[in-house]
Amino acid sequence: MTKKDLAERINVDPKTLKNWETSKPELLKLIYLGLATEDNIKETELYLKKIKEIKDSK
């Protein structure tokens, strides 16, 4: 994900994101962790759906 993509995803200006890199690095870490968590949740939901489909097909 590019920084421009990240800025769009969290609805901030890319310049703001650049400023946060130096002034609020911990905030950026939290944002990245939150996005990674969100991705993991979506992936887990997909696996659960597939497991349910397998279970229901038997």
PDB file of N, CA and C in Angstrom:
ATOM      1  N   MET A   1       0.849  -1.169   0.000  1.00  0.00           N
ATOM      2  CA  MET A   1       0.000   0.000   0.000  1.00  0.00           C
ATOM      3  C   MET A   1       0.894   1.231   0.000  1.00  0.00           C
ATOM      4  N   THR A   2       0.635   2.125  -0.934  1.00  0.00           N
ATOM      5  CA  THR A   2       1.423   3.348  -0.986  1.00  0.00           C
ATOM      6  C   THR A   2       0.939   4.321   0.087  1.00  0.00           C
ATOM      7  N   LYS A   3       1.745   5.321   0.329  1.00  0.00           N
ATOM      8  CA  LYS A   3       1.346   6.323   1.321  1.00  0.00           C
ATOM      9  C   LYS A   3       0.116   7.091   0.850  1.00  0.00           C
ATOM     10  N   LYS A   4       0.025   7.286  -0.453  1.00  0.00           N
ATOM     11  CA  LYS A   4      -1.162   7.957  -0.999  1.00  0.00           C
ATOM     12  C   LYS A   4      -2.400   7.097  -0.764  1.00  0.00           C
ATOM     13  N   ASP A   5      -2.273   5.783  -0.989  1.00  0.00           N
ATOM     14  CA  ASP A   5      -3.387   4.867  -0.739  1.00  0.00           C
ATOM     15  C   ASP A   5      -3.788   4.890   0.734  1.00  0.00           C
ATOM     16  N   LEU A   6      -2.793   4.874   1.604  1.00  0.00           N
ATOM     17  CA  LEU A   6      -3.065   4.913   3.038  1.00  0.00           C
ATOM     18  C   LEU A   6      -3.788   6.199   3.411  1.00  0.00           C
ATOM     19  N   ALA A   7      -3.328   7.312   2.900  1.00  0.00           N
ATOM     20  CA  ALA A   7      -3.963   8.595   3.199  1.00  0.00           C
ATOM     21  C   ALA A   7      -5.425   8.586   2.758  1.00  0.00           C
ATOM     22  N   GLU A   8      -5.687   8.042   1.583  1.00  0.00           N
ATOM     23  CA  GLU A   8      -7.071   7.960   1.109  1.00  0.00           C
ATOM     24  C   GLU A   8      -7.898   7.033   1.985  1.00  0.00           C
ATOM     25  N   ARG A   9      -7.300   5.922   2.379  1.00  0.00           N
ATOM     26  CA  ARG A   9      -8.033   4.929   3.181  1.00  0.00           C
ATOM     27  C   ARG A   9      -8.428   5.474   4.542  1.00  0.00           C
ATOM     28  N   ILE A  10      -7.556   6.292   5.155  1.00  0.00           N
ATOM     29  CA  ILE A  10      -7.880   6.839   6.471  1.00  0.00           C
ATOM     30  C   ILE A  10      -8.425   8.261   6.377  1.00  0.00           C
ATOM     31  N   ASN A  11      -8.645   8.701   5.135  1.00  0.00           N
ATOM     32  CA  ASN A  11      -9.308   9.974   4.871  1.00  0.00           C
ATOM     33  C   ASN A  11      -8.543  11.189   5.417  1.00  0.00           C
ATOM     34  N   VAL A  12      -7.248  11.225   5.126  1.00  0.00           N
ATOM     35  CA  VAL A  12      -6.436  12.395   5.455  1.00  0.00           C
ATOM     36  C   VAL A  12      -5.655  12.803   4.213  1.00  0.00           C
ATOM     37  N   ASP A  13      -5.186  14.006   4.214  1.00  0.00           N
ATOM     38  CA  ASP A  13      -4.369  14.510   3.116  1.00  0.00           C
ATOM     39  C   ASP A  13      -2.993  13.834   3.170  1.00  0.00           C
ATOM     40  N   PRO A  14      -2.418  13.497   2.026  1.00  0.00           N
ATOM     41  CA  PRO A  14      -1.081  12.888   2.038  1.00  0.00           C
ATOM     42  C   PRO A  14      -0.032  13.742   2.758  1.00  0.00           C
ATOM     43  N   LYS A  15      -0.183  15.057   2.702  1.00  0.00           N
ATOM     44  CA  LYS A  15       0.758  15.936   3.414  1.00  0.00           C
ATOM     45  C   LYS A  15       0.640  15.734   4.925  1.00  0.00           C
ATOM     46  N   THR A  16      -0.582  15.538   5.399  1.00  0.00           N
ATOM     47  CA  THR A  16      -0.795  15.279   6.825  1.00  0.00           C
ATOM     48  C   THR A  16      -0.102  13.996   7.227  1.00  0.00           C
ATOM     49  N   LEU A  17      -0.254  12.989   6.401  1.00  0.00           N
ATOM     50  CA  LEU A  17       0.391  11.708   6.670  1.00  0.00           C
ATOM     51  C   LEU A  17       1.913  11.869   6.731  1.00  0.00           C
ATOM     52  N   LYS A  18       2.457  12.635   5.821  1.00  0.00           N
ATOM     53  CA  LYS A  18       3.903  12.878   5.812  1.00  0.00           C
ATOM     54  C   LYS A  18       4.337  13.586   7.096  1.00  0.00           C
ATOM     55  N   ASN A  19       3.548  14.544   7.543  1.00  0.00           N
ATOM     56  CA  ASN A  19       3.873  15.242   8.793  1.00  0.00           C
ATOM     57  C   ASN A  19       3.825  14.292   9.983  1.00  0.00           C
ATOM     58  N   TRP A  20       2.865  13.370   9.969  1.00  0.00           N
ATOM     59  CA  TRP A  20       2.748  12.421  11.066  1.00  0.00           C
ATOM     60  C   TRP A  20       3.962  11.510  11.149  1.00  0.00           C
ATOM     61  N   GLU A  21       4.603  11.258  10.015  1.00  0.00           N
ATOM     62  CA  GLU A  21       5.781  10.377  10.022  1.00  0.00           C
ATOM     63  C   GLU A  21       6.853  10.902  10.977  1.00  0.00           C
ATOM     64  N   THR A  22       6.992  12.213  11.036  1.00  0.00           N
ATOM     65  CA  THR A  22       8.018  12.781  11.920  1.00  0.00           C
ATOM     66  C   THR A  22       7.452  13.239  13.254  1.00  0.00           C
ATOM     67  N   SER A  23       6.234  13.771  13.248  1.00  0.00           N
ATOM     68  CA  SER A  23       5.698  14.337  14.489  1.00  0.00           C
ATOM     69  C   SER A  23       4.916  13.323  15.321  1.00  0.00           C
ATOM     70  N   LYS A  24       4.348  12.300  14.676  1.00  0.00           N
ATOM     71  CA  LYS A  24       3.527  11.327  15.405  1.00  0.00           C
ATOM     72  C   LYS A  24       3.780   9.901  14.894  1.00  0.00           C
ATOM     73  N   PRO A  25       5.003   9.430  15.009  1.00  0.00           N
ATOM     74  CA  PRO A  25       5.288   8.090  14.481  1.00  0.00           C
ATOM     75  C   PRO A  25       4.499   6.985  15.180  1.00  0.00           C
ATOM     76  N   GLU A  26       4.196   7.162  16.452  1.00  0.00           N
ATOM     77  CA  GLU A  26       3.420   6.151  17.180  1.00  0.00           C
ATOM     78  C   GLU A  26       2.002   6.054  16.622  1.00  0.00           C
ATOM     79  N   LEU A  27       1.438   7.173  16.199  1.00  0.00           N
ATOM     80  CA  LEU A  27       0.109   7.173  15.598  1.00  0.00           C
ATOM     81  C   LEU A  27       0.115   6.352  14.320  1.00  0.00           C
ATOM     82  N   LEU A  28       1.150   6.530  13.517  1.00  0.00           N
ATOM     83  CA  LEU A  28       1.248   5.745  12.281  1.00  0.00           C
ATOM     84  C   LEU A  28       1.378   4.253  12.579  1.00  0.00           C
ATOM     85  N   LYS A  29       2.129   3.910  13.603  1.00  0.00           N
ATOM     86  CA  LYS A  29       2.253   2.503  13.986  1.00  0.00           C
ATOM     87  C   LYS A  29       0.883   1.934  14.356  1.00  0.00           C
ATOM     88  N   LEU A  30       0.113   2.702  15.119  1.00  0.00           N
ATOM     89  CA  LEU A  30      -1.226   2.256  15.511  1.00  0.00           C
ATOM     90  C   LEU A  30      -2.142   2.103  14.300  1.00  0.00           C
ATOM     91  N   ILE A  31      -2.033   3.013  13.357  1.00  0.00           N
ATOM     92  CA  ILE A  31      -2.847   2.920  12.142  1.00  0.00           C
ATOM     93  C   ILE A  31      -2.503   1.653  11.376  1.00  0.00           C
ATOM     94  N   TYR A  32      -1.204   1.403  11.200  1.00  0.00           N
ATOM     95  CA  TYR A  32      -0.785   0.191  10.488  1.00  0.00           C
ATOM     96  C   TYR A  32      -1.229  -1.073  11.225  1.00  0.00           C
ATOM     97  N   LEU A  33      -1.127  -1.072  12.541  1.00  0.00           N
ATOM     98  CA  LEU A  33      -1.576  -2.229  13.322  1.00  0.00           C
ATOM     99  C   LEU A  33      -3.087  -2.428  13.177  1.00  0.00           C
ATOM    100  N   GLY A  34      -3.814  -1.330  13.201  1.00  0.00           N
ATOM    101  CA  GLY A  34      -5.259  -1.409  13.033  1.00  0.00           C
ATOM    102  C   GLY A  34      -5.641  -1.961  11.671  1.00  0.00           C
ATOM    103  N   LEU A  35      -4.957  -1.515  10.637  1.00  0.00           N
ATOM    104  CA  LEU A  35      -5.240  -2.015   9.292  1.00  0.00           C
ATOM    105  C   LEU A  35      -4.872  -3.486   9.160  1.00  0.00           C
ATOM    106  N   ALA A  36      -3.771  -3.882   9.777  1.00  0.00           N
ATOM    107  CA  ALA A  36      -3.375  -5.290   9.740  1.00  0.00           C
ATOM    108  C   ALA A  36      -4.402  -6.148  10.481  1.00  0.00           C
ATOM    109  N   THR A  37      -4.889  -5.643  11.597  1.00  0.00           N
ATOM    110  CA  THR A  37      -5.911  -6.359  12.355  1.00  0.00           C
ATOM    111  C   THR A  37      -7.183  -6.491  11.536  1.00  0.00           C
ATOM    112  N   GLU A  38      -7.566  -5.420  10.886  1.00  0.00           N
ATOM    113  CA  GLU A  38      -8.758  -5.442  10.031  1.00  0.00           C
ATOM    114  C   GLU A  38      -8.607  -6.487   8.919  1.00  0.00           C
ATOM    115  N   ASP A  39      -7.444  -6.531   8.308  1.00  0.00           N
ATOM    116  CA  ASP A  39      -7.190  -7.523   7.259  1.00  0.00           C
ATOM    117  C   ASP A  39      -7.252  -8.944   7.816  1.00  0.00           C
ATOM    118  N   ASN A  40      -6.700  -9.152   9.009  1.00  0.00           N
ATOM    119  CA  ASN A  40      -6.740 -10.479   9.629  1.00  0.00           C
ATOM    120  C   ASN A  40      -8.168 -10.906   9.952  1.00  0.00           C
ATOM    121  N   ILE A  41      -8.977  -9.967  10.406  1.00  0.00           N
ATOM    122  CA  ILE A  41     -10.367 -10.279  10.708  1.00  0.00           C
ATOM    123  C   ILE A  41     -11.110 -10.677   9.440  1.00  0.00           C
ATOM    124  N   LYS A  42     -10.911  -9.933   8.366  1.00  0.00           N
ATOM    125  CA  LYS A  42     -11.564 -10.264   7.095  1.00  0.00           C
ATOM    126  C   LYS A  42     -11.131 -11.635   6.602  1.00  0.00           C
ATOM    127  N   GLU A  43      -9.845 -11.931   6.728  1.00  0.00           N
ATOM    128  CA  GLU A  43      -9.315 -13.218   6.296  1.00  0.00           C
ATOM    129  C   GLU A  43      -9.909 -14.353   7.132  1.00  0.00           C
ATOM    130  N   THR A  44     -10.012 -14.149   8.440  1.00  0.00           N
ATOM    131  CA  THR A  44     -10.590 -15.149   9.327  1.00  0.00           C
ATOM    132  C   THR A  44     -12.062 -15.381   8.997  1.00  0.00           C
ATOM    133  N   GLU A  45     -12.785 -14.304   8.722  1.00  0.00           N
ATOM    134  CA  GLU A  45     -14.194 -14.445   8.350  1.00  0.00           C
ATOM    135  C   GLU A  45     -14.340 -15.256   7.065  1.00  0.00           C
ATOM    136  N   LEU A  46     -13.439 -15.045   6.128  1.00  0.00           N
ATOM    137  CA  LEU A  46     -13.465 -15.808   4.881  1.00  0.00           C
ATOM    138  C   LEU A  46     -13.213 -17.293   5.147  1.00  0.00           C
ATOM    139  N   TYR A  47     -12.222 -17.597   5.984  1.00  0.00           N
ATOM    140  CA  TYR A  47     -11.948 -18.988   6.335  1.00  0.00           C
ATOM    141  C   TYR A  47     -13.145 -19.631   7.026  1.00  0.00           C
ATOM    142  N   LEU A  48     -13.766 -18.901   7.940  1.00  0.00           N
ATOM    143  CA  LEU A  48     -14.934 -19.436   8.633  1.00  0.00           C
ATOM    144  C   LEU A  48     -16.076 -19.720   7.662  1.00  0.00           C
ATOM    145  N   LYS A  49     -16.253 -18.845   6.706  1.00  0.00           N
ATOM    146  CA  LYS A  49     -17.294 -19.045   5.695  1.00  0.00           C
ATOM    147  C   LYS A  49     -17.006 -20.304   4.883  1.00  0.00           C
ATOM    148  N   LYS A  50     -15.750 -20.486   4.494  1.00  0.00           N
ATOM    149  CA  LYS A  50     -15.376 -21.684   3.731  1.00  0.00           C
ATOM    150  C   LYS A  50     -15.575 -22.948   4.555  1.00  0.00           C
ATOM    151  N   ILE A  51     -15.220 -22.897   5.827  1.00  0.00           N
ATOM    152  CA  ILE A  51     -15.403 -24.054   6.706  1.00  0.00           C
ATOM    153  C   ILE A  51     -16.886 -24.389   6.828  1.00  0.00           C
ATOM    154  N   LYS A  52     -17.705 -23.364   6.983  1.00  0.00           N
ATOM    155  CA  LYS A  52     -19.162 -23.582   7.075  1.00  0.00           C
ATOM    156  C   LYS A  52     -19.686 -24.204   5.803  1.00  0.00           C
ATOM    157  N   GLU A  53     -19.215 -23.743   4.637  1.00  0.00           N
ATOM    158  CA  GLU A  53     -19.650 -24.301   3.380  1.00  0.00           C
ATOM    159  C   GLU A  53     -19.260 -25.771   3.260  1.00  0.00           C
ATOM    160  N   ILE A  54     -18.052 -26.102   3.694  1.00  0.00           N
ATOM    161  CA  ILE A  54     -17.600 -27.498   3.668  1.00  0.00           C
ATOM    162  C   ILE A  54     -18.454 -28.334   4.603  1.00  0.00           C
ATOM    163  N   LYS A  55     -18.707 -27.816   5.783  1.00  0.00           N
ATOM    164  CA  LYS A  55     -19.507 -28.534   6.771  1.00  0.00           C
ATOM    165  C   LYS A  55     -20.922 -28.761   6.250  1.00  0.00           C
ATOM    166  N   ASP A  56     -21.510 -27.730   5.634  1.00  0.00           N
ATOM    167  CA  ASP A  56     -22.883 -27.840   5.147  1.00  0.00           C
ATOM    168  C   ASP A  56     -23.000 -28.762   3.940  1.00  0.00           C
ATOM    169  N   SER A  57     -21.916 -28.936   3.204  1.00  0.00           N
ATOM    170  CA  SER A  57     -21.954 -29.792   2.010  1.00  0.00           C
ATOM    171  C   SER A  57     -21.869 -31.278   2.352  1.00  0.00           C
ATOM    172  N   LYS A  58     -21.513 -31.595   3.578  1.00  0.00           N
ATOM    173  CA  LYS A  58     -21.371 -33.013   3.985  1.00  0.00           C
ATOM    174  C   LYS A  58     -22.662 -33.564   4.508  1.00  0.00           C
TER     175      LYS A  58
END
